[in-house]
Amino acid sequence: MKKKGHIPVTRVKNPEPNIESPDWVIWAAWADRITFEEIEKKTGKTESEVIKIMRRSIKPSSFRLWRKRVNQKSIKHRKKFEYSRKQITSKIKKGDYL
């Protein structure tokens, strides 16, 4: 017989740290779906401050890798993300599937 009300705990590779922790900014900066605008809204840290924190906190090679990812992905900036979503949805409406 199965227990009622038991919800399995899903383990994640990088669980979200407490928002008061300085590690939260690093975690959010690595997360693709969290924009710099959201980080600023939650912590008050601007994009340049986040870059400085990342430069100080992670290895130089990891920092270069992160900067390369952030510059290539349009997701980290809200305006670029919204623009890319509009392009995708317009292609789908036209029938030009990816």
C-alpha atoms as a PDB file:
ATOM      1  CA  MET A   1       0.000   0.000   0.000  1.00  0.00           C
ATOM      2  CA  LYS A   2       1.288   3.444  -0.947  1.00  0.00           C
ATOM      3  CA  LYS A   3       1.670   6.263   1.565  1.00  0.00           C
ATOM      4  CA  LYS A   4      -0.549   9.235   0.894  1.00  0.00           C
ATOM      5  CA  GLY A   5       0.950  12.698   0.876  1.00  0.00           C
ATOM      6  CA  HIS A   6       4.521  11.617   0.252  1.00  0.00           C
ATOM      7  CA  ILE A   7       6.215  13.929  -2.230  1.00  0.00           C
ATOM      8  CA  PRO A   8       9.613  12.741  -3.455  1.00  0.00           C
ATOM      9  CA  VAL A   9      12.468  15.215  -3.080  1.00  0.00           C
ATOM     10  CA  THR A  10      14.162  15.979  -6.363  1.00  0.00           C
ATOM     11  CA  ARG A  11      17.848  16.575  -5.967  1.00  0.00           C
ATOM     12  CA  VAL A  12      19.412  19.189  -8.191  1.00  0.00           C
ATOM     13  CA  LYS A  13      23.051  19.444  -9.128  1.00  0.00           C
ATOM     14  CA  ASN A  14      23.296  23.098  -8.056  1.00  0.00           C
ATOM     15  CA  PRO A  15      20.501  23.888  -5.600  1.00  0.00           C
ATOM     16  CA  GLU A  16      19.571  27.529  -5.077  1.00  0.00           C
ATOM     17  CA  PRO A  17      21.412  29.024  -2.077  1.00  0.00           C
ATOM     18  CA  ASN A  18      19.796  31.413   0.395  1.00  0.00           C
ATOM     19  CA  ILE A  19      19.229  34.841  -1.197  1.00  0.00           C
ATOM     20  CA  GLU A  20      21.065  36.614   1.657  1.00  0.00           C
ATOM     21  CA  SER A  21      24.159  34.538   0.914  1.00  0.00           C
ATOM     22  CA  PRO A  22      26.824  36.020  -1.388  1.00  0.00           C
ATOM     23  CA  ASP A  23      26.767  32.675  -3.178  1.00  0.00           C
ATOM     24  CA  TRP A  24      23.269  33.482  -4.478  1.00  0.00           C
ATOM     25  CA  VAL A  25      24.646  36.169  -6.821  1.00  0.00           C
ATOM     26  CA  ILE A  26      27.158  33.685  -8.251  1.00  0.00           C
ATOM     27  CA  TRP A  27      24.475  31.010  -8.582  1.00  0.00           C
ATOM     28  CA  ALA A  28      22.091  33.446 -10.302  1.00  0.00           C
ATOM     29  CA  ALA A  29      24.828  34.707 -12.630  1.00  0.00           C
ATOM     30  CA  TRP A  30      25.492  31.143 -13.815  1.00  0.00           C
ATOM     31  CA  ALA A  31      21.776  30.395 -14.239  1.00  0.00           C
ATOM     32  CA  ASP A  32      20.750  31.041 -17.844  1.00  0.00           C
ATOM     33  CA  ARG A  33      17.141  31.958 -17.108  1.00  0.00           C
ATOM     34  CA  ILE A  34      17.893  34.655 -14.502  1.00  0.00           C
ATOM     35  CA  THR A  35      18.537  38.027 -16.098  1.00  0.00           C
ATOM     36  CA  PHE A  36      20.792  40.771 -14.764  1.00  0.00           C
ATOM     37  CA  GLU A  37      17.666  42.857 -14.247  1.00  0.00           C
ATOM     38  CA  GLU A  38      16.195  40.207 -11.933  1.00  0.00           C
ATOM     39  CA  ILE A  39      19.470  39.983  -9.996  1.00  0.00           C
ATOM     40  CA  GLU A  40      19.446  43.761  -9.568  1.00  0.00           C
ATOM     41  CA  LYS A  41      15.817  43.739  -8.438  1.00  0.00           C
ATOM     42  CA  LYS A  42      16.448  41.058  -5.792  1.00  0.00           C
ATOM     43  CA  THR A  43      19.898  42.108  -4.527  1.00  0.00           C
ATOM     44  CA  GLY A  44      20.425  45.693  -5.686  1.00  0.00           C
ATOM     45  CA  LYS A  45      23.623  44.716  -7.532  1.00  0.00           C
ATOM     46  CA  THR A  46      24.084  46.074 -11.063  1.00  0.00           C
ATOM     47  CA  GLU A  47      25.490  44.079 -13.968  1.00  0.00           C
ATOM     48  CA  SER A  48      28.953  45.616 -13.508  1.00  0.00           C
ATOM     49  CA  GLU A  49      28.903  44.742  -9.786  1.00  0.00           C
ATOM     50  CA  VAL A  50      27.924  41.157 -10.622  1.00  0.00           C
ATOM     51  CA  ILE A  51      30.820  40.966 -13.096  1.00  0.00           C
ATOM     52  CA  LYS A  52      33.229  42.220 -10.396  1.00  0.00           C
ATOM     53  CA  ILE A  53      31.884  39.643  -7.919  1.00  0.00           C
ATOM     54  CA  MET A  54      32.303  36.876 -10.484  1.00  0.00           C
ATOM     55  CA  ARG A  55      35.831  38.032 -11.333  1.00  0.00           C
ATOM     56  CA  ARG A  56      36.814  37.932  -7.632  1.00  0.00           C
ATOM     57  CA  SER A  57      35.001  34.740  -6.683  1.00  0.00           C
ATOM     58  CA  ILE A  58      35.702  32.200  -9.403  1.00  0.00           C
ATOM     59  CA  LYS A  59      38.808  30.956 -11.169  1.00  0.00           C
ATOM     60  CA  PRO A  60      40.070  33.055 -14.100  1.00  0.00           C
ATOM     61  CA  SER A  61      39.323  30.283 -16.596  1.00  0.00           C
ATOM     62  CA  SER A  62      35.800  29.878 -15.210  1.00  0.00           C
ATOM     63  CA  PHE A  63      35.288  33.635 -15.390  1.00  0.00           C
ATOM     64  CA  ARG A  64      36.335  33.704 -19.063  1.00  0.00           C
ATOM     65  CA  LEU A  65      33.988  30.805 -19.795  1.00  0.00           C
ATOM     66  CA  TRP A  66      31.130  32.572 -17.995  1.00  0.00           C
ATOM     67  CA  ARG A  67      31.733  35.866 -19.842  1.00  0.00           C
ATOM     68  CA  LYS A  68      31.765  34.023 -23.157  1.00  0.00           C
ATOM     69  CA  ARG A  69      28.433  32.342 -22.295  1.00  0.00           C
ATOM     70  CA  VAL A  70      26.854  35.599 -21.134  1.00  0.00           C
ATOM     71  CA  ASN A  71      27.927  37.460 -24.277  1.00  0.00           C
ATOM     72  CA  GLN A  72      26.722  34.702 -26.614  1.00  0.00           C
ATOM     73  CA  LYS A  73      23.367  34.113 -24.946  1.00  0.00           C
ATOM     74  CA  SER A  74      20.660  36.687 -25.321  1.00  0.00           C
ATOM     75  CA  ILE A  75      18.906  35.412 -22.210  1.00  0.00           C
ATOM     76  CA  LYS A  76      20.911  37.335 -19.581  1.00  0.00           C
ATOM     77  CA  HIS A  77      19.533  40.700 -20.722  1.00  0.00           C
ATOM     78  CA  ARG A  78      15.768  41.180 -20.625  1.00  0.00           C
ATOM     79  CA  LYS A  79      15.532  43.297 -23.822  1.00  0.00           C
ATOM     80  CA  LYS A  80      17.643  40.863 -25.862  1.00  0.00           C
ATOM     81  CA  PHE A  81      15.667  37.930 -24.466  1.00  0.00           C
ATOM     82  CA  GLU A  82      12.318  39.477 -25.383  1.00  0.00           C
ATOM     83  CA  TYR A  83      13.605  40.340 -28.863  1.00  0.00           C
ATOM     84  CA  SER A  84      14.831  36.778 -29.458  1.00  0.00           C
ATOM     85  CA  ARG A  85      11.472  35.384 -28.269  1.00  0.00           C
ATOM     86  CA  LYS A  86       9.642  37.661 -30.729  1.00  0.00           C
ATOM     87  CA  GLN A  87      11.816  36.380 -33.566  1.00  0.00           C
ATOM     88  CA  ILE A  88      11.147  32.758 -32.635  1.00  0.00           C
ATOM     89  CA  THR A  89       7.390  33.252 -32.313  1.00  0.00           C
ATOM     90  CA  SER A  90       7.204  35.141 -35.610  1.00  0.00           C
ATOM     91  CA  LYS A  91       9.026  32.278 -37.364  1.00  0.00           C
ATOM     92  CA  ILE A  92       6.628  29.749 -35.866  1.00  0.00           C
ATOM     93  CA  LYS A  93       3.605  31.802 -36.948  1.00  0.00           C
ATOM     94  CA  LYS A  94       4.963  32.018 -40.491  1.00  0.00           C
ATOM     95  CA  GLY A  95       5.552  28.265 -40.568  1.00  0.00           C
ATOM     96  CA  ASP A  96       9.358  28.489 -40.663  1.00  0.00           C
ATOM     97  CA  TYR A  97      10.079  25.912 -37.984  1.00  0.00           C
ATOM     98  CA  LEU A  98      13.507  25.708 -36.446  1.00  0.00           C
END
